[in-house]
Amino acid sequence: MANRIKNEDQYEALRDQGYSKEKSARIANTPNAGKKGGKSHKYEDRTKEELYQQAKKVGIEGRSNMSKEELIKSLRSH
């Protein structure tokens, strides 16, 4: 008996992108596959401290001397 694909459209799209049959089937059969994840807040809505912590997390040099606007610009270009 052949395995059924739960999300045929997603399976076909993945195959068209060059994924193997096995990988396409695994992804298409994953619960909640294709659903969007959580939304993060826009940088402008975050505090300077939150932006600083994010810059620290991704390793942006010179972050301690940056303004909020500079942190946003650096995070977007990183």
N, C-alpha and C. Protein backbone atom coordinates (compact mmCIF):
# COMPACT_ATOMS: atom_id res chain seq x y z
N MET A 1 0.85 -1.19 0.00
CA MET A 1 0.00 0.00 0.00
C MET A 1 0.88 1.24 0.00
N ALA A 2 0.61 2.17 -0.88
CA ALA A 2 1.42 3.38 -1.00
C ALA A 2 1.07 4.35 0.13
N ASN A 3 2.08 5.10 0.55
CA ASN A 3 1.85 6.13 1.56
C ASN A 3 1.09 7.29 0.94
N ARG A 4 0.21 7.86 1.71
CA ARG A 4 -0.55 9.02 1.23
C ARG A 4 0.16 10.30 1.60
N ILE A 5 0.10 11.25 0.71
CA ILE A 5 0.65 12.58 0.97
C ILE A 5 -0.50 13.43 1.50
N LYS A 6 -0.29 14.05 2.66
CA LYS A 6 -1.37 14.85 3.27
C LYS A 6 -1.59 16.17 2.55
N ASN A 7 -0.51 16.75 2.04
CA ASN A 7 -0.63 18.05 1.38
C ASN A 7 -0.02 17.92 -0.03
N GLU A 8 -0.84 17.47 -0.97
CA GLU A 8 -0.36 17.21 -2.33
C GLU A 8 0.22 18.46 -3.00
N ASP A 9 -0.44 19.62 -2.80
CA ASP A 9 0.03 20.87 -3.43
C ASP A 9 1.43 21.22 -2.94
N GLN A 10 1.63 21.11 -1.64
CA GLN A 10 2.94 21.41 -1.08
C GLN A 10 3.98 20.40 -1.57
N TYR A 11 3.59 19.13 -1.61
CA TYR A 11 4.48 18.09 -2.10
C TYR A 11 4.95 18.40 -3.53
N GLU A 12 4.01 18.72 -4.40
CA GLU A 12 4.35 19.02 -5.80
C GLU A 12 5.23 20.26 -5.90
N ALA A 13 4.94 21.28 -5.08
CA ALA A 13 5.75 22.50 -5.10
C ALA A 13 7.18 22.20 -4.67
N LEU A 14 7.34 21.37 -3.66
CA LEU A 14 8.67 21.00 -3.20
C LEU A 14 9.42 20.19 -4.25
N ARG A 15 8.72 19.27 -4.91
CA ARG A 15 9.34 18.49 -5.98
C ARG A 15 9.80 19.41 -7.10
N ASP A 16 8.96 20.41 -7.44
CA ASP A 16 9.32 21.37 -8.49
C ASP A 16 10.57 22.17 -8.11
N GLN A 17 10.79 22.35 -6.81
CA GLN A 17 11.97 23.09 -6.34
C GLN A 17 13.20 22.20 -6.27
N GLY A 18 13.04 20.92 -6.59
CA GLY A 18 14.19 20.03 -6.63
C GLY A 18 14.38 19.14 -5.42
N TYR A 19 13.45 19.18 -4.48
CA TYR A 19 13.56 18.30 -3.31
C TYR A 19 13.31 16.86 -3.73
N SER A 20 13.93 15.91 -3.02
CA SER A 20 13.71 14.49 -3.29
C SER A 20 12.28 14.11 -2.94
N LYS A 21 11.83 12.97 -3.45
CA LYS A 21 10.48 12.48 -3.13
C LYS A 21 10.34 12.27 -1.63
N GLU A 22 11.37 11.70 -1.01
CA GLU A 22 11.32 11.41 0.42
C GLU A 22 11.22 12.69 1.26
N LYS A 23 12.08 13.65 0.94
CA LYS A 23 12.07 14.89 1.71
C LYS A 23 10.78 15.67 1.48
N SER A 24 10.31 15.71 0.26
CA SER A 24 9.05 16.39 -0.06
C SER A 24 7.90 15.77 0.71
N ALA A 25 7.87 14.44 0.76
CA ALA A 25 6.80 13.74 1.47
C ALA A 25 6.87 14.02 2.97
N ARG A 26 8.10 14.00 3.52
CA ARG A 26 8.26 14.27 4.96
C ARG A 26 7.73 15.66 5.31
N ILE A 27 8.10 16.65 4.51
CA ILE A 27 7.68 18.02 4.79
C ILE A 27 6.18 18.16 4.62
N ALA A 28 5.64 17.62 3.51
CA ALA A 28 4.21 17.75 3.22
C ALA A 28 3.35 17.00 4.23
N ASN A 29 3.90 16.00 4.90
CA ASN A 29 3.14 15.22 5.88
C ASN A 29 3.32 15.72 7.31
N THR A 30 4.13 16.75 7.50
CA THR A 30 4.36 17.30 8.83
C THR A 30 3.12 18.07 9.27
N PRO A 31 2.63 17.83 10.50
CA PRO A 31 1.49 18.62 10.98
C PRO A 31 1.84 20.11 10.96
N ASN A 32 0.92 20.92 10.54
CA ASN A 32 1.08 22.38 10.46
C ASN A 32 2.11 22.81 9.43
N ALA A 33 2.53 21.93 8.54
CA ALA A 33 3.50 22.30 7.51
C ALA A 33 2.90 23.38 6.63
N GLY A 34 3.70 24.35 6.32
CA GLY A 34 3.25 25.42 5.44
C GLY A 34 2.54 26.55 6.15
N LYS A 35 2.27 26.40 7.44
CA LYS A 35 1.64 27.49 8.18
C LYS A 35 2.72 28.44 8.63
N LYS A 36 2.36 29.71 8.68
CA LYS A 36 3.32 30.73 9.09
C LYS A 36 3.61 30.65 10.57
N GLY A 37 4.83 30.95 10.89
CA GLY A 37 5.24 30.99 12.30
C GLY A 37 4.77 32.26 12.97
N GLY A 38 5.24 32.49 14.17
CA GLY A 38 4.86 33.69 14.90
C GLY A 38 5.43 34.93 14.25
N LYS A 39 4.83 36.02 14.53
CA LYS A 39 5.29 37.30 13.99
C LYS A 39 6.20 37.96 15.01
N SER A 40 7.28 38.50 14.52
CA SER A 40 8.14 39.26 15.42
C SER A 40 7.74 40.73 15.31
N HIS A 41 8.07 41.47 16.33
CA HIS A 41 7.74 42.89 16.33
C HIS A 41 8.64 43.63 15.37
N LYS A 42 8.10 44.68 14.77
CA LYS A 42 8.93 45.52 13.91
C LYS A 42 10.01 46.16 14.77
N TYR A 43 11.17 46.35 14.15
CA TYR A 43 12.28 46.95 14.90
C TYR A 43 11.89 48.30 15.50
N GLU A 44 11.12 49.07 14.76
CA GLU A 44 10.74 50.40 15.26
C GLU A 44 9.89 50.33 16.53
N ASP A 45 9.20 49.22 16.74
CA ASP A 45 8.36 49.06 17.92
C ASP A 45 9.12 48.54 19.13
N ARG A 46 10.37 48.17 18.93
CA ARG A 46 11.18 47.63 20.02
C ARG A 46 11.92 48.76 20.74
N THR A 47 12.31 48.48 21.98
CA THR A 47 13.09 49.47 22.72
C THR A 47 14.54 49.40 22.25
N LYS A 48 15.29 50.44 22.57
CA LYS A 48 16.71 50.45 22.22
C LYS A 48 17.42 49.28 22.89
N GLU A 49 17.05 48.96 24.12
CA GLU A 49 17.66 47.84 24.84
C GLU A 49 17.38 46.51 24.14
N GLU A 50 16.16 46.33 23.66
CA GLU A 50 15.82 45.10 22.93
C GLU A 50 16.65 45.00 21.64
N LEU A 51 16.78 46.11 20.96
CA LEU A 51 17.58 46.14 19.73
C LEU A 51 19.05 45.85 20.04
N TYR A 52 19.54 46.44 21.12
CA TYR A 52 20.92 46.21 21.54
C TYR A 52 21.14 44.72 21.82
N GLN A 53 20.22 44.09 22.53
CA GLN A 53 20.36 42.67 22.85
C GLN A 53 20.33 41.81 21.58
N GLN A 54 19.49 42.18 20.63
CA GLN A 54 19.45 41.44 19.36
C GLN A 54 20.77 41.63 18.60
N ALA A 55 21.29 42.85 18.60
CA ALA A 55 22.57 43.13 17.94
C ALA A 55 23.70 42.34 18.60
N LYS A 56 23.65 42.24 19.91
CA LYS A 56 24.64 41.46 20.65
C LYS A 56 24.54 39.99 20.25
N LYS A 57 23.32 39.49 20.16
CA LYS A 57 23.06 38.09 19.82
C LYS A 57 23.63 37.73 18.45
N VAL A 58 23.53 38.65 17.49
CA VAL A 58 24.01 38.36 16.14
C VAL A 58 25.44 38.85 15.90
N GLY A 59 26.04 39.47 16.92
CA GLY A 59 27.45 39.83 16.85
C GLY A 59 27.78 41.11 16.09
N ILE A 60 26.93 42.12 16.20
CA ILE A 60 27.19 43.39 15.53
C ILE A 60 28.20 44.19 16.35
N GLU A 61 29.31 44.55 15.70
CA GLU A 61 30.38 45.31 16.36
C GLU A 61 29.96 46.77 16.54
N GLY A 62 30.41 47.40 17.60
CA GLY A 62 30.16 48.82 17.84
C GLY A 62 28.75 49.15 18.30
N ARG A 63 27.99 48.14 18.68
CA ARG A 63 26.58 48.34 19.04
C ARG A 63 26.38 49.24 20.25
N SER A 64 27.34 49.27 21.17
CA SER A 64 27.16 50.07 22.39
C SER A 64 27.17 51.56 22.11
N ASN A 65 27.75 51.98 20.98
CA ASN A 65 27.79 53.40 20.64
C ASN A 65 26.71 53.81 19.64
N MET A 66 25.83 52.87 19.28
CA MET A 66 24.84 53.16 18.24
C MET A 66 23.54 53.71 18.82
N SER A 67 22.90 54.57 18.04
CA SER A 67 21.57 55.05 18.39
C SER A 67 20.56 53.96 18.01
N LYS A 68 19.33 54.16 18.39
CA LYS A 68 18.28 53.20 18.05
C LYS A 68 18.19 53.04 16.54
N GLU A 69 18.24 54.14 15.81
CA GLU A 69 18.14 54.12 14.35
C GLU A 69 19.32 53.36 13.73
N GLU A 70 20.51 53.57 14.30
CA GLU A 70 21.70 52.87 13.79
C GLU A 70 21.62 51.37 14.07
N LEU A 71 21.09 51.01 15.23
CA LEU A 71 20.91 49.60 15.55
C LEU A 71 19.95 48.95 14.56
N ILE A 72 18.85 49.63 14.27
CA ILE A 72 17.88 49.11 13.30
C ILE A 72 18.53 48.91 11.94
N LYS A 73 19.26 49.92 11.48
CA LYS A 73 19.92 49.82 10.19
C LYS A 73 20.92 48.67 10.15
N SER A 74 21.69 48.52 11.23
CA SER A 74 22.69 47.45 11.29
C SER A 74 22.02 46.07 11.33
N LEU A 75 20.94 45.95 12.08
CA LEU A 75 20.23 44.67 12.15
C LEU A 75 19.62 44.29 10.81
N ARG A 76 19.10 45.26 10.11
CA ARG A 76 18.48 44.99 8.81
C ARG A 76 19.52 44.59 7.77
N SER A 77 20.72 45.14 7.88
CA SER A 77 21.74 44.83 6.87
C SER A 77 22.57 43.61 7.23
N HIS A 78 22.37 43.11 8.43
CA HIS A 78 23.17 41.97 8.90
C HIS A 78 22.67 40.67 8.36
